[in-house]
Structures are given as C-alpha cells and as structure tokens.
Protein backbone atom coordinates (compact mmCIF):
# COMPACT_ATOMS: atom_id res chain seq x y z
CA MET A 1 21.35 -23.70 74.88
CA GLY A 2 22.76 -24.70 71.33
CA LYS A 3 25.56 -26.54 70.38
CA PRO A 4 29.04 -24.90 71.89
CA HIS A 5 32.68 -24.36 69.76
CA LEU A 6 34.78 -24.11 73.08
CA LEU A 7 34.66 -26.79 75.81
CA VAL A 8 36.43 -25.71 78.94
CA HIS A 9 37.62 -27.95 81.14
CA ASP A 10 38.24 -27.01 84.88
CA ARG A 11 37.07 -23.07 86.12
CA GLU A 12 41.07 -22.73 86.88
CA ASP A 13 41.96 -23.43 82.48
CA ASN A 14 43.52 -20.19 80.69
CA VAL A 15 42.63 -22.29 77.70
CA GLY A 16 39.47 -24.17 75.70
CA VAL A 17 39.62 -26.96 73.08
CA VAL A 18 37.53 -25.90 69.93
CA VAL A 19 34.65 -28.85 69.47
CA VAL A 20 33.57 -27.22 65.75
CA GLU A 21 35.17 -28.03 62.73
CA GLY A 22 35.59 -24.81 60.36
CA LEU A 23 36.42 -21.64 63.38
CA THR A 24 36.66 -18.24 61.85
CA ALA A 25 37.77 -15.12 63.38
CA GLY A 26 35.31 -13.62 64.38
CA THR A 27 32.93 -16.53 65.71
CA GLU A 28 31.03 -14.89 69.04
CA MET A 29 31.65 -18.97 70.27
CA LEU A 30 29.57 -20.49 73.36
CA CYS A 31 32.16 -21.79 75.42
CA VAL A 32 30.98 -24.55 77.85
CA VAL A 33 32.56 -25.81 81.25
CA THR A 34 32.79 -28.79 81.81
CA GLU A 35 32.81 -28.86 85.59
CA ASP A 36 29.98 -27.20 86.12
CA ASN A 37 28.11 -27.35 83.07
CA SER A 38 28.39 -23.16 83.18
CA ASP A 39 28.52 -21.56 79.92
CA PHE A 40 29.69 -18.01 78.96
CA SER A 41 30.81 -16.31 75.16
CA LEU A 42 34.24 -15.23 73.75
CA VAL A 43 34.88 -13.80 70.40
CA ALA A 44 38.22 -15.84 68.03
CA ASN A 45 40.31 -13.05 66.86
CA ALA A 46 41.31 -15.96 64.75
CA ASP A 47 40.61 -18.95 62.66
CA ILE A 48 41.20 -21.92 64.96
CA PRO A 49 41.21 -25.77 63.83
CA ILE A 50 39.13 -28.27 65.81
CA GLY A 51 41.00 -29.84 68.62
CA HIS A 52 42.95 -26.75 68.85
CA LYS A 53 43.40 -24.30 72.36
CA VAL A 54 41.96 -21.05 72.24
CA ALA A 55 43.82 -18.16 75.19
CA LEU A 56 40.61 -17.41 77.30
CA ARG A 57 42.39 -13.96 78.36
CA ASP A 58 45.26 -12.92 76.97
CA LEU A 59 49.10 -15.33 77.76
CA SER A 60 52.45 -13.67 77.82
CA GLU A 61 55.70 -15.31 76.94
CA GLY A 62 56.44 -17.16 79.64
CA GLU A 63 53.53 -18.19 81.29
CA THR A 64 52.08 -21.39 82.37
CA VAL A 65 49.02 -22.78 80.53
CA ILE A 66 46.31 -24.94 82.01
CA LYS A 67 44.19 -26.94 80.39
CA TYR A 68 41.73 -29.66 82.64
CA GLY A 69 43.33 -27.66 85.48
CA GLU A 70 45.99 -29.25 85.60
CA ASP A 71 50.06 -27.73 84.00
CA ILE A 72 50.30 -28.44 80.04
CA GLY A 73 52.79 -26.12 79.02
CA LYS A 74 54.14 -22.89 78.55
CA MET A 75 54.09 -19.70 76.34
CA VAL A 76 56.62 -19.35 74.22
CA GLY A 77 54.72 -16.62 72.73
CA THR A 78 51.80 -14.67 73.15
CA ALA A 79 48.06 -14.77 72.55
CA GLU A 80 45.07 -12.51 73.10
CA LYS A 81 42.05 -13.51 74.19
CA GLY A 82 40.51 -15.12 72.06
CA GLY A 83 43.54 -16.57 70.15
CA HIS A 84 45.09 -19.35 68.94
CA VAL A 85 47.21 -21.38 71.24
CA HIS A 86 49.18 -24.47 69.85
CA ILE A 87 52.88 -25.80 68.70
CA HIS A 88 53.73 -21.92 67.53
CA ASN A 89 53.16 -19.84 70.39
CA CYS A 90 52.78 -23.23 73.29
CA LYS A 91 55.16 -26.02 74.59
CA THR A 92 55.97 -28.78 76.72
CA LYS A 93 57.77 -28.03 79.68
CA ARG A 94 59.32 -31.54 79.74
CA TRP A 95 62.13 -30.80 77.09
C-alpha cells in the first residue's frame, strides 16, 4: 500500500479528510479506514486542500455529516461523491 490521500476514521463516516498537499480533481485517491486499516479508492472531483473533507457518497442538503462515527454537522448544500465538503456546504448544528 502506498501513502494515503484520504483518511476515514470510522466505517459509518460519510466524509474523509485529505492528508496530502495539492490534491487535484481527477486524482484517484488511496483512502484508508483507520478503524480497521482497510482501504479503498475514490476519485476526487475537485481540488481539495489538506485538512478539508471529501464526500464518500453523494450528500444532499439537510443531510447529517458523519466523521469519527459522530454527527459533526449538516449539509447546507450538496456534494457529489468525491467532492469538497467544507464551510460552503457544511455547517455545525450548534448555531
């Protein structure tokens, strides 16, 4: 296995975190699930900065975002599988 592009913490997560600089649209990412050290591939459909989230499946407006197996917010826009998930389409439920 090479170096991962994306880490997913829990099998129930619907987003993962980019762990490389300069991830560009069209990159076939090596994704590693830290819960069980399994891996899968996913194509990035946008340029996504390190530390930002990637949708593991299509996410709709109003849907709950799951990271670390926990509810971290809701989608206020949409994201296609492999798309960028950040403050432009994801917000905390606290406010």
